[in-house]
Amino acid sequence: MMDRSHIGHVFPAFETTIEAGRVRLFCKAIGESNPLHLDEAAARAAGYRNILAPITFPTAIAMDSPNPRAMIELLEVNIAWVLHGEEQFDYFAPICVGDRITAQLRITDLYDKKGGALEFIAAAFDMTNQFQEKVCSIRRILVIRRPRPEGAPA
């Protein structure tokens, strides 16, 4: 059982700069071809500061954390038991190439279901830009499915 005293735990913030090459590779990986995400002139003509990052790009920003597994380590969860449950993106401002994004992860809830057979980690990654504008919040739920003890009914 996870220690619920970790609810509200805030991890150290980290900063990353959005680079055009990285956005381009991300677009290639997801099959994105919209010129707003690839061409500076098209993005500026549409009113953006620079090339616009795709809407799921904040996931890549989250992976820039100095320790992407910090939450799992803090909660002492075996990574083999972790399932991706849910992810929601809330946007407040665009993320563009050249932006300096500060991101911070916090644990928002820990709970269980099915008599503890399934545990849930609810967390939020909040992101702000160099103008101190909140640009995105990723809300995630991870499911921890612990193995059944030997001889336990299925």
N, C-alpha and C. Protein backbone atom coordinates (compact mmCIF):
# COMPACT_ATOMS: atom_id res chain seq x y z
N MET A 1 0.84 -1.18 0.00
CA MET A 1 0.00 0.00 0.00
C MET A 1 0.89 1.25 0.00
N MET A 2 0.59 2.17 -0.87
CA MET A 2 1.38 3.40 -0.95
C MET A 2 1.10 4.29 0.26
N ASP A 3 2.12 5.00 0.66
CA ASP A 3 2.03 5.90 1.81
C ASP A 3 1.28 7.17 1.39
N ARG A 4 0.06 7.33 1.88
CA ARG A 4 -0.79 8.46 1.49
C ARG A 4 -0.29 9.81 2.02
N SER A 5 0.70 9.79 2.89
CA SER A 5 1.26 11.06 3.36
C SER A 5 1.98 11.79 2.24
N HIS A 6 2.20 11.11 1.11
CA HIS A 6 2.85 11.75 -0.04
C HIS A 6 1.88 12.58 -0.89
N ILE A 7 0.59 12.51 -0.58
CA ILE A 7 -0.38 13.35 -1.32
C ILE A 7 0.01 14.81 -1.09
N GLY A 8 0.12 15.55 -2.17
CA GLY A 8 0.53 16.96 -2.09
C GLY A 8 2.03 17.16 -2.28
N HIS A 9 2.79 16.06 -2.33
CA HIS A 9 4.25 16.19 -2.51
C HIS A 9 4.54 16.91 -3.82
N VAL A 10 5.42 17.90 -3.75
CA VAL A 10 5.82 18.67 -4.93
C VAL A 10 7.29 18.38 -5.20
N PHE A 11 7.59 17.98 -6.42
CA PHE A 11 8.95 17.68 -6.83
C PHE A 11 9.65 18.95 -7.30
N PRO A 12 10.97 18.98 -7.28
CA PRO A 12 11.68 20.20 -7.72
C PRO A 12 11.32 20.56 -9.17
N ALA A 13 11.17 21.84 -9.41
CA ALA A 13 10.89 22.33 -10.76
C ALA A 13 12.15 22.18 -11.62
N PHE A 14 11.94 22.07 -12.92
CA PHE A 14 13.06 22.04 -13.86
C PHE A 14 12.68 22.89 -15.06
N GLU A 15 13.69 23.31 -15.81
CA GLU A 15 13.48 24.19 -16.96
C GLU A 15 14.02 23.53 -18.22
N THR A 16 13.33 23.75 -19.32
CA THR A 16 13.78 23.26 -20.62
C THR A 16 13.44 24.29 -21.68
N THR A 17 14.23 24.33 -22.73
CA THR A 17 13.99 25.24 -23.85
C THR A 17 13.45 24.44 -25.02
N ILE A 18 12.40 24.94 -25.65
CA ILE A 18 11.77 24.26 -26.77
C ILE A 18 12.59 24.54 -28.03
N GLU A 19 13.09 23.47 -28.64
CA GLU A 19 13.96 23.57 -29.81
C GLU A 19 13.23 23.11 -31.07
N ALA A 20 13.50 23.78 -32.19
CA ALA A 20 12.82 23.47 -33.46
C ALA A 20 13.08 22.04 -33.91
N GLY A 21 14.33 21.58 -33.78
CA GLY A 21 14.65 20.22 -34.22
C GLY A 21 13.89 19.17 -33.43
N ARG A 22 13.74 19.42 -32.15
CA ARG A 22 13.01 18.47 -31.31
C ARG A 22 11.53 18.45 -31.66
N VAL A 23 10.96 19.63 -31.92
CA VAL A 23 9.55 19.69 -32.33
C VAL A 23 9.39 18.97 -33.67
N ARG A 24 10.32 19.18 -34.57
CA ARG A 24 10.25 18.52 -35.88
C ARG A 24 10.29 17.00 -35.73
N LEU A 25 11.20 16.48 -34.89
CA LEU A 25 11.28 15.03 -34.66
C LEU A 25 10.01 14.49 -34.00
N PHE A 26 9.46 15.26 -33.07
CA PHE A 26 8.22 14.86 -32.41
C PHE A 26 7.10 14.76 -33.46
N CYS A 27 7.02 15.76 -34.33
CA CYS A 27 6.00 15.75 -35.40
C CYS A 27 6.16 14.53 -36.29
N LYS A 28 7.40 14.23 -36.63
CA LYS A 28 7.66 13.05 -37.48
C LYS A 28 7.19 11.78 -36.77
N ALA A 29 7.48 11.68 -35.48
CA ALA A 29 7.12 10.48 -34.72
C ALA A 29 5.60 10.28 -34.63
N ILE A 30 4.85 11.36 -34.57
CA ILE A 30 3.39 11.23 -34.42
C ILE A 30 2.64 11.41 -35.75
N GLY A 31 3.38 11.67 -36.82
CA GLY A 31 2.75 11.84 -38.13
C GLY A 31 2.09 13.19 -38.33
N GLU A 32 2.53 14.20 -37.59
CA GLU A 32 1.97 15.55 -37.69
C GLU A 32 2.59 16.28 -38.88
N SER A 33 1.76 16.84 -39.75
CA SER A 33 2.27 17.55 -40.93
C SER A 33 1.75 18.98 -41.06
N ASN A 34 1.02 19.47 -40.08
CA ASN A 34 0.49 20.83 -40.12
C ASN A 34 1.65 21.82 -40.15
N PRO A 35 1.68 22.74 -41.11
CA PRO A 35 2.79 23.70 -41.22
C PRO A 35 2.99 24.56 -39.96
N LEU A 36 1.95 24.75 -39.16
CA LEU A 36 2.11 25.52 -37.92
C LEU A 36 3.15 24.90 -37.00
N HIS A 37 3.33 23.57 -37.12
CA HIS A 37 4.25 22.84 -36.27
C HIS A 37 5.62 22.61 -36.92
N LEU A 38 5.76 23.05 -38.17
CA LEU A 38 6.99 22.75 -38.91
C LEU A 38 7.64 23.95 -39.57
N ASP A 39 6.88 24.98 -39.84
CA ASP A 39 7.37 26.10 -40.63
C ASP A 39 7.19 27.42 -39.87
N GLU A 40 8.29 28.06 -39.58
CA GLU A 40 8.24 29.31 -38.80
C GLU A 40 7.40 30.38 -39.50
N ALA A 41 7.54 30.52 -40.80
CA ALA A 41 6.78 31.55 -41.53
C ALA A 41 5.28 31.29 -41.42
N ALA A 42 4.87 30.03 -41.55
CA ALA A 42 3.44 29.69 -41.46
C ALA A 42 2.92 29.98 -40.05
N ALA A 43 3.72 29.64 -39.04
CA ALA A 43 3.30 29.86 -37.65
C ALA A 43 3.18 31.36 -37.36
N ARG A 44 4.16 32.14 -37.81
CA ARG A 44 4.12 33.60 -37.58
C ARG A 44 2.95 34.23 -38.33
N ALA A 45 2.68 33.76 -39.55
CA ALA A 45 1.55 34.28 -40.33
C ALA A 45 0.22 34.01 -39.63
N ALA A 46 0.19 32.93 -38.83
CA ALA A 46 -1.03 32.59 -38.09
C ALA A 46 -1.09 33.29 -36.73
N GLY A 47 -0.07 34.11 -36.42
CA GLY A 47 -0.09 34.89 -35.19
C GLY A 47 0.70 34.33 -34.02
N TYR A 48 1.47 33.27 -34.24
CA TYR A 48 2.28 32.70 -33.16
C TYR A 48 3.67 33.33 -33.14
N ARG A 49 4.34 33.27 -31.99
CA ARG A 49 5.70 33.82 -31.84
C ARG A 49 6.70 33.08 -32.70
N ASN A 50 6.46 31.79 -32.89
CA ASN A 50 7.38 30.93 -33.61
C ASN A 50 6.63 29.64 -33.89
N ILE A 51 7.34 28.60 -34.33
CA ILE A 51 6.72 27.31 -34.59
C ILE A 51 5.96 26.86 -33.35
N LEU A 52 4.74 26.40 -33.55
CA LEU A 52 3.86 25.97 -32.48
C LEU A 52 4.11 24.49 -32.16
N ALA A 53 4.34 24.17 -30.91
CA ALA A 53 4.49 22.77 -30.50
C ALA A 53 3.14 22.07 -30.61
N PRO A 54 3.13 20.80 -31.04
CA PRO A 54 1.87 20.04 -31.10
C PRO A 54 1.25 19.88 -29.72
N ILE A 55 -0.04 19.61 -29.68
CA ILE A 55 -0.75 19.61 -28.41
C ILE A 55 -0.28 18.55 -27.41
N THR A 56 0.31 17.46 -27.87
CA THR A 56 0.80 16.45 -26.92
C THR A 56 2.29 16.62 -26.60
N PHE A 57 2.91 17.65 -27.12
CA PHE A 57 4.34 17.88 -26.88
C PHE A 57 4.68 18.05 -25.39
N PRO A 58 3.79 18.58 -24.55
CA PRO A 58 4.14 18.66 -23.13
C PRO A 58 4.56 17.33 -22.50
N THR A 59 4.14 16.21 -23.08
CA THR A 59 4.60 14.91 -22.59
C THR A 59 6.11 14.80 -22.76
N ALA A 60 6.63 15.30 -23.87
CA ALA A 60 8.09 15.29 -24.08
C ALA A 60 8.79 16.22 -23.09
N ILE A 61 8.15 17.35 -22.80
CA ILE A 61 8.71 18.28 -21.81
C ILE A 61 8.81 17.58 -20.45
N ALA A 62 7.77 16.85 -20.08
CA ALA A 62 7.76 16.15 -18.79
C ALA A 62 8.93 15.17 -18.69
N MET A 63 9.31 14.59 -19.81
CA MET A 63 10.42 13.63 -19.81
C MET A 63 11.78 14.30 -19.66
N ASP A 64 11.82 15.63 -19.73
CA ASP A 64 13.07 16.36 -19.51
C ASP A 64 13.44 16.43 -18.03
N SER A 65 12.56 15.97 -17.18
CA SER A 65 12.83 15.98 -15.75
C SER A 65 14.18 15.31 -15.48
N PRO A 66 14.97 15.85 -14.56
CA PRO A 66 16.24 15.21 -14.23
C PRO A 66 16.07 13.75 -13.79
N ASN A 67 14.89 13.42 -13.25
CA ASN A 67 14.59 12.05 -12.87
C ASN A 67 13.12 11.76 -13.20
N PRO A 68 12.84 11.31 -14.42
CA PRO A 68 11.45 11.03 -14.81
C PRO A 68 10.76 9.97 -13.95
N ARG A 69 11.55 9.18 -13.21
CA ARG A 69 10.97 8.13 -12.37
C ARG A 69 10.89 8.54 -10.90
N ALA A 70 11.09 9.81 -10.59
CA ALA A 70 11.15 10.26 -9.19
C ALA A 70 9.88 9.90 -8.41
N MET A 71 8.72 10.04 -9.03
CA MET A 71 7.47 9.76 -8.33
C MET A 71 7.36 8.27 -8.01
N ILE A 72 7.70 7.42 -8.97
CA ILE A 72 7.66 5.97 -8.78
C ILE A 72 8.64 5.56 -7.67
N GLU A 73 9.82 6.19 -7.69
CA GLU A 73 10.82 5.89 -6.67
C GLU A 73 10.36 6.35 -5.28
N LEU A 74 9.81 7.56 -5.19
CA LEU A 74 9.33 8.06 -3.91
C LEU A 74 8.28 7.13 -3.31
N LEU A 75 7.38 6.65 -4.16
CA LEU A 75 6.28 5.80 -3.70
C LEU A 75 6.68 4.33 -3.58
N GLU A 76 7.92 4.03 -3.95
CA GLU A 76 8.47 2.67 -3.86
C GLU A 76 7.60 1.65 -4.59
N VAL A 77 7.28 1.98 -5.84
CA VAL A 77 6.45 1.13 -6.68
C VAL A 77 7.36 0.44 -7.70
N ASN A 78 7.15 -0.84 -7.88
CA ASN A 78 7.88 -1.60 -8.89
C ASN A 78 7.37 -1.16 -10.26
N ILE A 79 8.26 -0.69 -11.12
CA ILE A 79 7.86 -0.17 -12.44
C ILE A 79 7.11 -1.22 -13.26
N ALA A 80 7.35 -2.49 -13.01
CA ALA A 80 6.67 -3.56 -13.74
C ALA A 80 5.17 -3.61 -13.43
N TRP A 81 4.75 -2.98 -12.33
CA TRP A 81 3.34 -3.00 -11.94
C TRP A 81 2.57 -1.78 -12.46
N VAL A 82 3.26 -0.84 -13.11
CA VAL A 82 2.65 0.43 -13.50
C VAL A 82 1.97 0.32 -14.86
N LEU A 83 0.73 0.78 -14.91
CA LEU A 83 -0.04 0.88 -16.15
C LEU A 83 -0.44 2.34 -16.33
N HIS A 84 -0.46 2.80 -17.57
CA HIS A 84 -0.93 4.15 -17.86
C HIS A 84 -2.44 4.12 -17.82
N GLY A 85 -3.04 4.93 -16.95
CA GLY A 85 -4.49 4.90 -16.81
C GLY A 85 -5.19 5.99 -17.59
N GLU A 86 -4.72 7.21 -17.45
CA GLU A 86 -5.44 8.35 -18.02
C GLU A 86 -4.48 9.52 -18.14
N GLU A 87 -4.74 10.38 -19.11
CA GLU A 87 -3.96 11.60 -19.25
C GLU A 87 -4.86 12.68 -19.83
N GLN A 88 -4.79 13.86 -19.25
CA GLN A 88 -5.60 14.99 -19.71
C GLN A 88 -4.70 16.21 -19.80
N PHE A 89 -4.83 16.95 -20.89
CA PHE A 89 -4.07 18.17 -21.09
C PHE A 89 -5.00 19.37 -20.97
N ASP A 90 -4.66 20.30 -20.13
CA ASP A 90 -5.38 21.57 -20.05
C ASP A 90 -4.42 22.65 -20.54
N TYR A 91 -4.85 23.41 -21.56
CA TYR A 91 -3.99 24.43 -22.16
C TYR A 91 -4.47 25.82 -21.80
N PHE A 92 -3.50 26.69 -21.58
CA PHE A 92 -3.81 28.08 -21.21
C PHE A 92 -3.15 29.08 -22.15
N ALA A 93 -2.06 28.67 -22.80
CA ALA A 93 -1.34 29.52 -23.75
C ALA A 93 -0.52 28.61 -24.66
N PRO A 94 -0.18 29.08 -25.86
CA PRO A 94 0.59 28.24 -26.77
C PRO A 94 2.02 28.03 -26.28
N ILE A 95 2.60 26.90 -26.68
CA ILE A 95 4.01 26.60 -26.44
C ILE A 95 4.69 26.67 -27.80
N CYS A 96 5.70 27.53 -27.90
CA CYS A 96 6.36 27.77 -29.18
C CYS A 96 7.86 27.50 -29.08
N VAL A 97 8.46 27.24 -30.22
CA VAL A 97 9.91 27.10 -30.31
C VAL A 97 10.55 28.35 -29.71
N GLY A 98 11.57 28.15 -28.91
CA GLY A 98 12.27 29.25 -28.25
C GLY A 98 11.78 29.50 -26.84
N ASP A 99 10.59 29.01 -26.50
CA ASP A 99 10.07 29.21 -25.14
C ASP A 99 10.93 28.47 -24.13
N ARG A 100 11.07 29.07 -22.97
CA ARG A 100 11.70 28.42 -21.81
C ARG A 100 10.57 28.00 -20.89
N ILE A 101 10.41 26.71 -20.76
CA ILE A 101 9.31 26.16 -19.98
C ILE A 101 9.83 25.65 -18.63
N THR A 102 9.17 26.08 -17.58
CA THR A 102 9.44 25.56 -16.25
C THR A 102 8.31 24.60 -15.92
N ALA A 103 8.68 23.39 -15.51
CA ALA A 103 7.69 22.35 -15.22
C ALA A 103 7.88 21.84 -13.80
N GLN A 104 6.75 21.50 -13.19
CA GLN A 104 6.81 20.98 -11.83
C GLN A 104 5.72 19.93 -11.65
N LEU A 105 6.13 18.80 -11.10
CA LEU A 105 5.24 17.67 -10.86
C LEU A 105 4.79 17.66 -9.40
N ARG A 106 3.51 17.31 -9.19
CA ARG A 106 3.01 17.14 -7.83
C ARG A 106 2.04 15.97 -7.79
N ILE A 107 2.04 15.29 -6.67
CA ILE A 107 1.10 14.18 -6.45
C ILE A 107 -0.19 14.78 -5.91
N THR A 108 -1.30 14.55 -6.61
CA THR A 108 -2.57 15.15 -6.20
C THR A 108 -3.46 14.19 -5.42
N ASP A 109 -3.26 12.88 -5.61
CA ASP A 109 -4.07 11.92 -4.85
C ASP A 109 -3.46 10.53 -4.97
N LEU A 110 -3.71 9.72 -3.97
CA LEU A 110 -3.34 8.30 -3.94
C LEU A 110 -4.55 7.57 -3.38
N TYR A 111 -5.04 6.57 -4.11
CA TYR A 111 -6.21 5.84 -3.64
C TYR A 111 -6.19 4.43 -4.20
N ASP A 112 -7.09 3.58 -3.69
CA ASP A 112 -7.12 2.20 -4.18
C ASP A 112 -8.57 1.79 -4.47
N LYS A 113 -8.68 0.69 -5.20
CA LYS A 113 -9.97 0.08 -5.51
C LYS A 113 -9.79 -1.43 -5.45
N LYS A 114 -10.90 -2.12 -5.47
CA LYS A 114 -10.91 -3.59 -5.44
C LYS A 114 -10.12 -4.13 -4.26
N GLY A 115 -10.40 -3.53 -3.09
CA GLY A 115 -9.77 -4.01 -1.87
C GLY A 115 -8.26 -3.87 -1.86
N GLY A 116 -7.75 -2.89 -2.60
CA GLY A 116 -6.31 -2.66 -2.63
C GLY A 116 -5.59 -3.39 -3.76
N ALA A 117 -6.33 -4.20 -4.54
CA ALA A 117 -5.70 -4.90 -5.66
C ALA A 117 -5.21 -3.92 -6.72
N LEU A 118 -5.89 -2.79 -6.82
CA LEU A 118 -5.48 -1.74 -7.74
C LEU A 118 -5.26 -0.47 -6.94
N GLU A 119 -4.10 0.16 -7.14
CA GLU A 119 -3.82 1.44 -6.52
C GLU A 119 -3.65 2.47 -7.63
N PHE A 120 -3.97 3.72 -7.32
CA PHE A 120 -3.94 4.77 -8.31
C PHE A 120 -3.11 5.94 -7.82
N ILE A 121 -2.29 6.46 -8.72
CA ILE A 121 -1.51 7.66 -8.45
C ILE A 121 -2.06 8.75 -9.36
N ALA A 122 -2.57 9.82 -8.78
CA ALA A 122 -3.02 10.97 -9.55
C ALA A 122 -1.96 12.06 -9.39
N ALA A 123 -1.54 12.62 -10.51
CA ALA A 123 -0.48 13.63 -10.47
C ALA A 123 -0.76 14.71 -11.49
N ALA A 124 -0.12 15.84 -11.29
CA ALA A 124 -0.25 16.96 -12.23
C ALA A 124 1.13 17.52 -12.53
N PHE A 125 1.38 17.80 -13.80
CA PHE A 125 2.58 18.49 -14.26
C PHE A 125 2.12 19.88 -14.68
N ASP A 126 2.52 20.90 -13.96
CA ASP A 126 2.17 22.27 -14.32
C ASP A 126 3.35 22.92 -15.03
N MET A 127 3.05 23.65 -16.10
CA MET A 127 4.10 24.25 -16.92
C MET A 127 3.83 25.73 -17.15
N THR A 128 4.89 26.53 -16.99
CA THR A 128 4.81 27.97 -17.25
C THR A 128 5.91 28.33 -18.24
N ASN A 129 5.72 29.45 -18.94
CA ASN A 129 6.74 29.90 -19.89
C ASN A 129 7.57 31.03 -19.30
N GLN A 130 8.45 31.57 -20.12
CA GLN A 130 9.37 32.63 -19.69
C GLN A 130 8.65 33.92 -19.33
N PHE A 131 7.39 34.05 -19.70
CA PHE A 131 6.58 35.23 -19.36
C PHE A 131 5.80 35.02 -18.07
N GLN A 132 6.07 33.90 -17.40
CA GLN A 132 5.37 33.51 -16.17
C GLN A 132 3.89 33.20 -16.42
N GLU A 133 3.56 32.85 -17.66
CA GLU A 133 2.20 32.44 -18.01
C GLU A 133 2.09 30.93 -17.83
N LYS A 134 1.03 30.47 -17.20
CA LYS A 134 0.79 29.04 -17.16
C LYS A 134 0.39 28.63 -18.57
N VAL A 135 1.10 27.65 -19.14
CA VAL A 135 0.80 27.25 -20.52
C VAL A 135 0.07 25.92 -20.60
N CYS A 136 0.34 25.01 -19.64
CA CYS A 136 -0.28 23.70 -19.72
C CYS A 136 -0.24 23.02 -18.36
N SER A 137 -1.22 22.18 -18.14
CA SER A 137 -1.22 21.29 -16.99
C SER A 137 -1.59 19.91 -17.51
N ILE A 138 -0.71 18.94 -17.25
CA ILE A 138 -1.01 17.56 -17.62
C ILE A 138 -1.47 16.86 -16.35
N ARG A 139 -2.64 16.28 -16.43
CA ARG A 139 -3.13 15.48 -15.30
C ARG A 139 -3.05 14.01 -15.71
N ARG A 140 -2.40 13.24 -14.86
CA ARG A 140 -2.18 11.82 -15.15
C ARG A 140 -2.70 10.94 -14.03
N ILE A 141 -3.13 9.77 -14.43
CA ILE A 141 -3.44 8.73 -13.46
C ILE A 141 -2.68 7.48 -13.87
N LEU A 142 -1.88 6.99 -12.95
CA LEU A 142 -1.18 5.73 -13.15
C LEU A 142 -1.87 4.68 -12.30
N VAL A 143 -1.98 3.48 -12.84
CA VAL A 143 -2.61 2.37 -12.14
C VAL A 143 -1.50 1.40 -11.72
N ILE A 144 -1.54 1.01 -10.46
CA ILE A 144 -0.57 0.05 -9.95
C ILE A 144 -1.32 -1.26 -9.73
N ARG A 145 -0.95 -2.24 -10.50
CA ARG A 145 -1.60 -3.56 -10.39
C ARG A 145 -0.60 -4.51 -9.76
N ARG A 146 -0.78 -4.72 -8.49
CA ARG A 146 0.14 -5.58 -7.75
C ARG A 146 -0.15 -7.05 -8.08
N PRO A 147 0.90 -7.86 -8.12
CA PRO A 147 0.67 -9.28 -8.41
C PRO A 147 -0.13 -9.95 -7.31
N ARG A 148 -0.94 -10.94 -7.71
CA ARG A 148 -1.71 -11.72 -6.73
C ARG A 148 -0.78 -12.64 -5.98
N PRO A 149 -1.01 -12.76 -4.68
CA PRO A 149 -0.21 -13.71 -3.92
C PRO A 149 -0.45 -15.14 -4.41
N GLU A 150 0.55 -16.00 -4.25
CA GLU A 150 0.43 -17.40 -4.63
C GLU A 150 -0.84 -18.02 -4.02
N GLY A 151 -1.61 -18.71 -4.83
CA GLY A 151 -2.79 -19.40 -4.33
C GLY A 151 -4.02 -18.52 -4.15
N ALA A 152 -3.89 -17.22 -4.42
CA ALA A 152 -5.05 -16.33 -4.28
C ALA A 152 -6.02 -16.57 -5.42
N PRO A 153 -7.35 -16.47 -5.16
CA PRO A 153 -8.32 -16.66 -6.24
C PRO A 153 -8.17 -15.58 -7.32
N ALA A 154 -8.46 -15.95 -8.54
CA ALA A 154 -8.33 -15.03 -9.68
C ALA A 154 -9.45 -14.04 -9.71
